[in-house]
């Protein structure tokens, strides 16, 4: 079971702002909510900024009617698991014909094999006016 609260901040008027609830399974999800409910019992409102539409809160919480949602932006976050393979799967062209070197870092260490420098050969193409 693994989960974490990201950027937990307390505000006046018994409010708690959390930028993200990150969990790996439902046990971790429930544990995070239990932590919020029991360790912050004087908090009247908890706001979590980044919540997907399919968040399981309505199915897990005892009083789902107390949830209020405000969806401002819908979107997807993608993580390239094999950066080298993704770069090699397509071709790149430029009028200069050169090599592009990318420095890749993964702060969360979810794909450590991607960390380092990757070079991409750019194909020389003729410029047509």
Protein backbone atom coordinates (compact mmCIF):
# COMPACT_ATOMS: atom_id res chain seq x y z
CA UNK A 1 0.00 0.00 0.00
CA UNK A 2 1.46 3.34 -1.00
CA UNK A 3 0.09 6.85 -1.19
CA UNK A 4 0.96 10.45 -0.42
CA UNK A 5 -0.51 13.90 -0.09
CA UNK A 6 1.19 16.49 -2.22
CA UNK A 7 1.59 20.11 -1.08
CA UNK A 8 -0.64 19.96 1.96
CA UNK A 9 -1.38 23.52 3.15
CA UNK A 10 -3.57 24.89 5.90
CA UNK A 11 -5.62 28.03 5.39
CA UNK A 12 -7.66 30.14 7.79
CA UNK A 13 -11.31 29.32 8.46
CA UNK A 14 -10.71 25.59 8.97
CA UNK A 15 -9.74 24.85 5.35
CA UNK A 16 -7.13 22.39 4.09
CA UNK A 17 -5.81 22.61 0.53
CA UNK A 18 -4.09 19.59 -1.02
CA UNK A 19 -2.80 19.89 -4.59
CA UNK A 20 -2.96 16.16 -5.29
CA UNK A 21 -3.89 12.82 -3.72
CA UNK A 22 -1.53 10.15 -5.06
CA UNK A 23 -2.19 6.47 -4.43
CA UNK A 24 -1.29 3.08 -5.88
CA UNK A 25 -4.33 1.06 -4.79
CA UNK A 26 -7.68 1.43 -3.04
CA UNK A 27 -6.21 0.62 0.39
CA UNK A 28 -3.83 3.56 0.02
CA UNK A 29 -6.70 5.76 -1.19
CA UNK A 30 -8.83 4.88 1.83
CA UNK A 31 -5.84 5.40 4.16
CA UNK A 32 -5.23 8.89 2.79
CA UNK A 33 -8.86 9.84 3.37
CA UNK A 34 -8.73 8.30 6.86
CA UNK A 35 -5.63 10.36 7.58
CA UNK A 36 -7.36 13.53 6.38
CA UNK A 37 -10.48 12.79 8.46
CA UNK A 38 -8.78 11.74 11.70
CA UNK A 39 -5.65 13.90 11.85
CA UNK A 40 -7.43 17.04 10.69
CA UNK A 41 -10.63 16.80 12.70
CA UNK A 42 -10.91 20.58 13.15
CA UNK A 43 -10.88 21.15 9.39
CA UNK A 44 -14.26 22.03 7.95
CA UNK A 45 -13.37 21.93 4.25
CA UNK A 46 -10.79 19.86 2.38
CA UNK A 47 -9.99 20.89 -1.17
CA UNK A 48 -8.02 18.63 -3.51
CA UNK A 49 -6.99 20.46 -6.67
CA UNK A 50 -6.21 17.67 -9.15
CA UNK A 51 -8.98 15.07 -9.09
CA UNK A 52 -9.82 12.90 -12.12
CA UNK A 53 -13.46 12.55 -13.18
CA UNK A 54 -13.41 8.85 -12.28
CA UNK A 55 -12.17 9.47 -8.72
CA UNK A 56 -13.57 6.74 -6.43
CA UNK A 57 -14.51 9.16 -3.59
CA UNK A 58 -18.29 8.87 -4.17
CA UNK A 59 -18.02 5.09 -3.87
CA UNK A 60 -15.70 5.06 -0.83
CA UNK A 61 -16.77 7.91 1.44
CA UNK A 62 -19.60 7.43 3.93
CA UNK A 63 -21.29 10.70 2.94
CA UNK A 64 -20.68 11.17 -0.79
CA UNK A 65 -23.43 13.81 -0.87
CA UNK A 66 -21.01 16.14 0.90
CA UNK A 67 -18.64 16.09 -2.09
CA UNK A 68 -18.65 19.14 -4.31
CA UNK A 69 -16.95 19.02 -7.66
CA UNK A 70 -15.79 21.85 -9.85
CA UNK A 71 -14.23 20.55 -13.06
CA UNK A 72 -12.32 23.34 -14.77
CA UNK A 73 -10.03 21.46 -17.13
CA UNK A 74 -10.23 17.91 -18.38
CA UNK A 75 -7.01 16.41 -19.64
CA UNK A 76 -4.65 13.49 -19.68
CA UNK A 77 -1.13 13.18 -18.37
CA UNK A 78 1.06 10.72 -20.21
CA UNK A 79 4.40 9.32 -19.15
CA UNK A 80 6.66 7.91 -21.85
CA UNK A 81 7.99 4.69 -20.35
CA UNK A 82 10.59 4.03 -23.06
CA UNK A 83 11.92 7.40 -24.22
CA UNK A 84 14.69 5.91 -26.38
CA UNK A 85 12.20 3.63 -28.14
CA UNK A 86 9.74 6.48 -28.64
CA UNK A 87 12.42 8.71 -30.18
CA UNK A 88 13.71 5.92 -32.44
CA UNK A 89 10.18 5.07 -33.64
CA UNK A 90 9.93 8.22 -35.71
CA UNK A 91 12.18 10.25 -37.95
CA UNK A 92 13.22 13.85 -37.55
CA UNK A 93 14.34 16.14 -40.31
CA UNK A 94 15.93 19.56 -40.45
CA UNK A 95 17.66 21.74 -42.98
CA UNK A 96 20.76 21.63 -40.81
CA UNK A 97 21.24 17.88 -40.38
CA UNK A 98 22.57 17.48 -36.90
CA UNK A 99 22.26 15.58 -33.66
CA UNK A 100 19.91 16.64 -30.91
CA UNK A 101 20.91 15.63 -27.38
CA UNK A 102 18.26 15.53 -24.67
CA UNK A 103 18.96 15.44 -20.94
CA UNK A 104 16.26 13.34 -19.25
CA UNK A 105 15.56 13.34 -15.54
CA UNK A 106 12.82 11.57 -13.60
CA UNK A 107 12.36 13.20 -10.19
CA UNK A 108 9.89 10.52 -9.11
CA UNK A 109 12.21 7.70 -10.24
CA UNK A 110 9.32 5.82 -11.86
CA UNK A 111 11.35 5.00 -14.98
CA UNK A 112 15.02 5.24 -13.93
CA UNK A 113 16.20 3.56 -17.15
CA UNK A 114 15.26 6.76 -19.01
CA UNK A 115 17.53 8.99 -16.92
CA UNK A 116 20.57 10.31 -18.75
CA UNK A 117 21.42 11.81 -22.10
CA UNK A 118 19.79 10.60 -25.31
CA UNK A 119 20.90 11.62 -28.78
CA UNK A 120 18.66 11.77 -31.83
CA UNK A 121 20.09 11.98 -35.34
CA UNK A 122 18.33 14.57 -37.45
CA UNK A 123 18.15 13.79 -41.15
CA UNK A 124 19.36 16.41 -43.60
CA UNK A 125 16.57 17.47 -45.96
CA UNK A 126 16.68 19.86 -48.85
CA UNK A 127 14.95 23.19 -48.38
CA UNK A 128 12.37 23.89 -51.05
CA UNK A 129 11.12 27.46 -51.48
